[in-house]
Amino acid sequence: MIVRVRLAAPVKEVRHALTDPAAMRVWLAEHAESDLPDRYAFWGHRTPEGDAPHQRPLHADDHTLRFAWLLDGVETTTEITLEEETQDTTVLTLSQSHFDFQDVITGASIRGVLQSFWSLALSNLADYVEGREIGPQPDFTSADFRGETVVDAPVEQVFDSLVDSDKASDWFGYPIGIEPHVGGRFAMGGLDADPHPAKIIDLVPGRTMSADWGPGGVVTWELEDSGGKTRLTFVQSGFDTANPPYAAWTGWLSGLAALRRYHEKPGSHQIWLPAEPAA
């Protein structure tokens, strides 16, 4: 798995955020320790299998950080490289071993959360280096999936971006097809590409929308005005609590971060880059 992201900060600032324990405790994990090259660890309820630190550093220099991470009995490898794009922007590339998308679907291994975990973490990092507030975070010890954030935009605009296919595809960074009415389809990949779309089961314009994803549960967006801004509450419920869909939940939280950027940083909201740089 490879993820690339553009960060609005110089390489030196990004590396500091990656390796400073106080910074890590904001954007990455509840607990963090870093004393390279000997120690690099993070753990807590925001981290999968975060009961204790399970990382050990393998290599660190001014532009590269590589560490082993024991997950579900397997030692995986995470590598982060930093490349100066301009004096004020950095391209970060993260590669993660032992990720199998089948684990996302089945929930057979906690390693199935790795893609969405790192997507959310890097979204947090992008906000952190820009001095922006970090949004809701997952709790891998809980099956209570509820997050709340404030978007600096009017309710009408935020709701429109949730139900309009083109706008939703723009902020999510992936094609989404939406038929904005009760009984309509909510399709990841687009209406023609998703053979098993969610079904919209509740929609009150400007206030709420719920979509039923079958075994994945029901996701609900609730919006209310907050002094000209939008207080957005997002809930995922109705799933098997014995096997919570942490990968999906963490992915939705990454989506909330993208939604905030869409409204608060118009024109520069997309931070994700193709996994392979252009030739």
Protein backbone atom coordinates (compact mmCIF):
# COMPACT_ATOMS: atom_id res chain seq x y z
CA MET A 1 0.00 0.00 0.00
CA ILE A 2 1.34 3.42 -0.99
CA VAL A 3 -0.19 6.78 -0.07
CA ARG A 4 1.11 10.18 -1.17
CA VAL A 5 0.05 13.53 0.20
CA ARG A 6 1.01 17.17 -0.28
CA LEU A 7 1.58 19.07 2.97
CA ALA A 8 1.66 22.86 3.23
CA ALA A 9 4.85 23.04 5.27
CA PRO A 10 8.62 22.75 4.66
CA VAL A 11 10.31 19.37 5.04
CA LYS A 12 11.95 20.41 8.32
CA GLU A 13 8.59 21.25 9.91
CA VAL A 14 6.98 18.05 8.67
CA ARG A 15 9.82 15.92 10.02
CA HIS A 16 9.51 17.66 13.37
CA ALA A 17 5.79 16.85 13.47
CA LEU A 18 6.55 13.23 12.57
CA THR A 19 9.14 12.75 15.30
CA ASP A 20 8.30 15.13 18.14
CA PRO A 21 6.34 13.27 20.84
CA ALA A 22 4.20 16.28 21.75
CA ALA A 23 3.22 16.79 18.11
CA MET A 24 2.60 13.07 17.60
CA ARG A 25 0.18 13.09 20.53
CA VAL A 26 -1.93 15.65 18.67
CA TRP A 27 -2.15 14.23 15.14
CA LEU A 28 -1.26 10.54 15.54
CA ALA A 29 -1.95 8.85 18.86
CA GLU A 30 -2.94 9.25 22.48
CA HIS A 31 0.56 8.25 23.64
CA ALA A 32 3.85 8.68 21.80
CA GLU A 33 7.57 8.42 22.47
CA SER A 34 10.39 9.30 20.08
CA ASP A 35 14.12 9.27 20.68
CA LEU A 36 15.58 8.31 17.33
CA PRO A 37 17.34 6.21 16.28
CA ASP A 38 16.55 4.09 19.35
CA ARG A 39 12.88 4.71 20.07
CA TYR A 40 9.77 5.45 18.01
CA ALA A 41 6.42 4.31 19.40
CA PHE A 42 2.77 5.30 19.57
CA TRP A 43 -0.20 3.66 21.24
CA GLY A 44 -3.54 4.24 22.96
CA HIS A 45 -7.21 3.98 22.04
CA ARG A 46 -6.70 5.84 18.73
CA THR A 47 -4.24 3.15 17.57
CA PRO A 48 -5.18 -0.37 16.41
CA GLU A 49 -4.00 -2.89 19.02
CA GLY A 50 -2.94 0.15 21.00
CA ASP A 51 -2.85 -1.48 24.43
CA ALA A 52 0.94 -1.06 24.37
CA PRO A 53 3.60 0.23 21.96
CA HIS A 54 4.32 -2.31 19.21
CA GLN A 55 6.72 -0.33 17.00
CA ARG A 56 10.51 -0.31 16.72
CA PRO A 57 12.57 2.01 14.52
CA LEU A 58 14.51 0.53 11.61
CA HIS A 59 15.96 3.65 9.97
CA ALA A 60 15.76 7.41 10.37
CA ASP A 61 17.40 10.34 8.63
CA ASP A 62 16.34 13.85 7.61
CA HIS A 63 14.03 12.58 4.86
CA THR A 64 13.12 8.99 5.78
CA LEU A 65 11.52 7.22 8.71
CA ARG A 66 11.07 3.45 8.65
CA PHE A 67 9.75 1.35 11.50
CA ALA A 68 8.41 -2.12 12.22
CA TRP A 69 4.89 -2.40 13.62
CA LEU A 70 3.58 -5.65 15.09
CA LEU A 71 -0.10 -6.09 14.22
CA ASP A 72 -2.16 -9.25 14.67
CA GLY A 73 1.00 -11.26 15.27
CA VAL A 74 2.72 -10.08 12.08
CA GLU A 75 5.58 -7.59 11.97
CA THR A 76 4.65 -5.07 9.30
CA THR A 77 6.87 -2.30 7.94
CA THR A 78 5.93 1.35 7.56
CA GLU A 79 8.17 3.75 5.63
CA ILE A 80 7.65 7.49 5.35
CA THR A 81 9.72 9.61 2.98
CA LEU A 82 9.71 13.39 2.62
CA GLU A 83 10.48 15.27 -0.58
CA GLU A 84 10.69 19.02 -0.95
CA GLU A 85 8.23 20.21 -3.59
CA THR A 86 8.73 23.94 -2.95
CA GLN A 87 10.22 25.86 -0.04
CA ASP A 88 6.79 25.77 1.60
CA THR A 89 5.36 22.39 0.53
CA THR A 90 6.39 18.80 1.12
CA VAL A 91 5.34 15.61 -0.63
CA LEU A 92 5.07 12.77 1.88
CA THR A 93 5.01 9.18 0.63
CA LEU A 94 3.96 6.41 3.00
CA SER A 95 4.35 2.74 2.17
CA GLN A 96 2.83 0.06 4.37
CA SER A 97 3.45 -3.67 4.09
CA HIS A 98 1.00 -6.50 4.90
CA PHE A 99 -2.17 -4.66 3.89
CA ASP A 100 -4.80 -6.83 2.19
CA PHE A 101 -8.07 -5.20 1.13
CA GLN A 102 -9.83 -8.50 1.78
CA ASP A 103 -9.26 -7.84 5.49
CA VAL A 104 -11.23 -4.60 5.08
CA ILE A 105 -14.20 -6.57 3.76
CA THR A 106 -14.09 -9.50 6.18
CA GLY A 107 -12.64 -7.85 9.27
CA ALA A 108 -10.55 -11.00 9.71
CA SER A 109 -7.44 -9.03 10.71
CA ILE A 110 -6.97 -5.64 12.34
CA ARG A 111 -4.46 -4.99 9.55
CA GLY A 112 -7.51 -4.24 7.40
CA VAL A 113 -7.69 -0.80 9.04
CA LEU A 114 -4.22 0.25 7.89
CA GLN A 115 -5.29 2.12 4.77
CA SER A 116 -7.99 4.19 6.45
CA PHE A 117 -5.88 4.60 9.62
CA TRP A 118 -3.05 6.19 7.67
CA SER A 119 -5.43 8.23 5.51
CA LEU A 120 -6.93 9.77 8.63
CA ALA A 121 -3.55 10.19 10.33
CA LEU A 122 -2.11 12.01 7.32
CA SER A 123 -5.23 14.19 7.10
CA ASN A 124 -4.60 15.06 10.74
CA LEU A 125 -0.96 15.78 9.96
CA ALA A 126 -1.97 18.11 7.12
CA ASP A 127 -4.24 20.02 9.51
CA TYR A 128 -1.60 20.05 12.24
CA VAL A 129 1.18 21.59 10.15
CA GLU A 130 -1.28 24.26 8.96
CA GLY A 131 -2.29 25.10 12.53
CA ARG A 132 -5.82 23.79 12.03
CA GLU A 133 -7.88 21.94 14.62
CA ILE A 134 -7.90 18.14 14.39
CA GLY A 135 -11.32 16.55 13.84
CA PRO A 136 -12.94 13.50 15.46
CA GLN A 137 -10.76 10.44 15.98
CA PRO A 138 -11.48 6.70 16.22
CA ASP A 139 -11.48 4.65 19.40
CA PHE A 140 -10.36 1.11 18.61
CA THR A 141 -11.57 -0.06 22.02
CA SER A 142 -15.19 1.01 21.49
CA ALA A 143 -18.11 0.08 19.23
CA ASP A 144 -19.75 3.48 19.80
CA PHE A 145 -19.18 5.17 16.44
CA ARG A 146 -20.08 8.81 16.84
CA GLY A 147 -18.11 11.90 15.82
CA GLU A 148 -18.81 15.62 15.86
CA THR A 149 -17.09 18.49 14.09
CA VAL A 150 -17.75 22.12 13.22
CA VAL A 151 -17.42 23.18 9.58
CA ASP A 152 -16.82 26.86 8.88
CA ALA A 153 -19.60 27.13 6.31
CA PRO A 154 -23.40 27.60 6.39
CA VAL A 155 -25.62 24.56 6.89
CA GLU A 156 -27.16 24.89 3.42
CA GLN A 157 -23.75 24.70 1.72
CA VAL A 158 -22.57 21.75 3.80
CA PHE A 159 -25.77 19.80 3.24
CA ASP A 160 -25.60 20.47 -0.50
CA SER A 161 -22.07 19.07 -0.59
CA LEU A 162 -23.32 15.90 1.11
CA VAL A 163 -26.13 15.17 -1.36
CA ASP A 164 -24.71 16.47 -4.66
CA SER A 165 -22.78 13.69 -6.43
CA ASP A 166 -20.22 15.98 -8.08
CA LYS A 167 -19.48 17.92 -4.91
CA ALA A 168 -19.32 14.79 -2.75
CA SER A 169 -16.93 13.19 -5.25
CA ASP A 170 -14.78 16.32 -5.16
CA TRP A 171 -14.31 16.51 -1.40
CA PHE A 172 -14.12 12.74 -0.87
CA GLY A 173 -11.57 12.38 -3.66
CA TYR A 174 -13.36 9.35 -5.09
CA PRO A 175 -16.44 9.02 -7.33
CA ILE A 176 -19.69 8.96 -5.36
CA GLY A 177 -23.15 8.66 -6.87
CA ILE A 178 -26.08 9.95 -4.83
CA GLU A 179 -29.80 9.95 -5.55
CA PRO A 180 -30.90 12.50 -2.91
CA HIS A 181 -34.28 11.15 -1.89
CA VAL A 182 -35.61 8.45 0.41
CA GLY A 183 -35.16 5.15 -1.40
CA GLY A 184 -32.35 6.57 -3.54
CA ARG A 185 -28.93 5.01 -3.97
CA PHE A 186 -25.67 6.09 -2.33
CA ALA A 187 -22.94 4.43 -4.37
CA MET A 188 -19.19 4.44 -3.77
CA GLY A 189 -17.46 4.48 -7.15
CA GLY A 190 -20.52 5.96 -8.85
CA LEU A 191 -24.05 4.79 -9.61
CA ASP A 192 -22.91 2.65 -12.56
CA ALA A 193 -19.93 1.10 -10.77
CA ASP A 194 -21.31 -0.06 -7.41
CA PRO A 195 -23.47 -3.21 -7.67
CA HIS A 196 -24.35 -3.03 -3.97
CA PRO A 197 -25.03 0.62 -3.14
CA ALA A 198 -26.39 1.86 0.14
CA LYS A 199 -30.02 2.92 0.31
CA ILE A 200 -31.03 6.34 1.59
CA ILE A 201 -33.59 5.69 4.33
CA ASP A 202 -34.00 9.20 5.73
CA LEU A 203 -33.47 12.64 4.25
CA VAL A 204 -34.61 16.00 5.59
CA PRO A 205 -33.15 18.82 3.46
CA GLY A 206 -30.70 20.94 5.41
CA ARG A 207 -30.93 18.74 8.49
CA THR A 208 -30.16 15.04 8.13
CA MET A 209 -29.45 12.12 5.81
CA SER A 210 -29.14 8.41 6.63
CA ALA A 211 -27.96 5.59 4.38
CA ASP A 212 -28.26 1.85 5.06
CA TRP A 213 -25.15 -0.15 4.11
CA GLY A 214 -26.54 -3.53 5.13
CA PRO A 215 -24.11 -5.44 7.37
CA GLY A 216 -21.94 -2.31 7.53
CA GLY A 217 -24.72 -0.55 9.38
CA VAL A 218 -26.48 2.78 8.94
CA VAL A 219 -24.56 6.03 8.59
CA THR A 220 -26.26 9.28 9.55
CA TRP A 221 -25.28 12.91 9.06
CA GLU A 222 -27.02 15.43 11.33
CA LEU A 223 -26.50 19.16 10.74
CA GLU A 224 -27.38 22.21 12.81
CA ASP A 225 -26.48 25.87 12.65
CA SER A 226 -23.79 27.08 15.03
CA GLY A 227 -23.41 30.84 14.67
CA GLY A 228 -23.27 30.72 10.89
CA LYS A 229 -21.12 27.60 10.91
CA THR A 230 -22.31 23.99 10.76
CA ARG A 231 -22.18 21.56 13.65
CA LEU A 232 -22.04 18.16 11.97
CA THR A 233 -22.66 14.95 13.90
CA PHE A 234 -21.86 11.69 12.16
CA VAL A 235 -22.99 8.30 13.48
CA GLN A 236 -22.51 4.73 12.27
CA SER A 237 -24.77 2.16 13.94
CA GLY A 238 -26.58 -1.13 13.39
CA PHE A 239 -23.49 -3.26 12.71
CA ASP A 240 -22.27 -6.41 14.45
CA THR A 241 -20.71 -5.01 17.63
CA ALA A 242 -18.75 -8.24 18.07
CA ASN A 243 -16.82 -7.33 14.91
CA PRO A 244 -16.99 -3.53 14.58
CA PRO A 245 -16.16 -2.18 11.09
CA TYR A 246 -13.23 -0.07 12.26
CA ALA A 247 -11.81 0.28 8.74
CA ALA A 248 -15.04 1.80 7.43
CA TRP A 249 -15.46 4.05 10.47
CA THR A 250 -11.92 5.39 10.25
CA GLY A 251 -12.45 5.96 6.53
CA TRP A 252 -15.60 7.98 7.22
CA LEU A 253 -13.68 10.09 9.75
CA SER A 254 -11.05 10.75 7.09
CA GLY A 255 -13.94 11.83 4.87
CA LEU A 256 -15.13 14.30 7.51
CA ALA A 257 -11.65 15.86 7.53
CA ALA A 258 -11.84 16.14 3.74
CA LEU A 259 -15.31 17.72 3.96
CA ARG A 260 -13.99 20.38 6.33
CA ARG A 261 -11.09 21.17 4.01
CA TYR A 262 -13.46 21.40 1.03
CA HIS A 263 -15.41 24.19 2.69
CA GLU A 264 -12.64 25.90 4.63
CA LYS A 265 -9.84 25.80 2.04
CA PRO A 266 -11.62 26.14 -1.32
CA GLY A 267 -9.29 25.66 -4.26
CA SER A 268 -6.61 23.93 -2.20
CA HIS A 269 -8.63 21.30 -0.37
CA GLN A 270 -7.25 18.25 -2.19
CA ILE A 271 -4.10 17.02 -0.48
CA TRP A 272 -3.93 13.52 -2.00
CA LEU A 273 -1.60 12.71 -4.89
CA PRO A 274 -1.47 9.67 -7.20
CA ALA A 275 0.30 6.73 -5.60
CA GLU A 276 2.86 6.78 -8.40
CA PRO A 277 4.33 10.16 -9.42
CA ALA A 278 3.93 11.16 -13.05
CA ALA A 279 6.83 10.15 -15.29
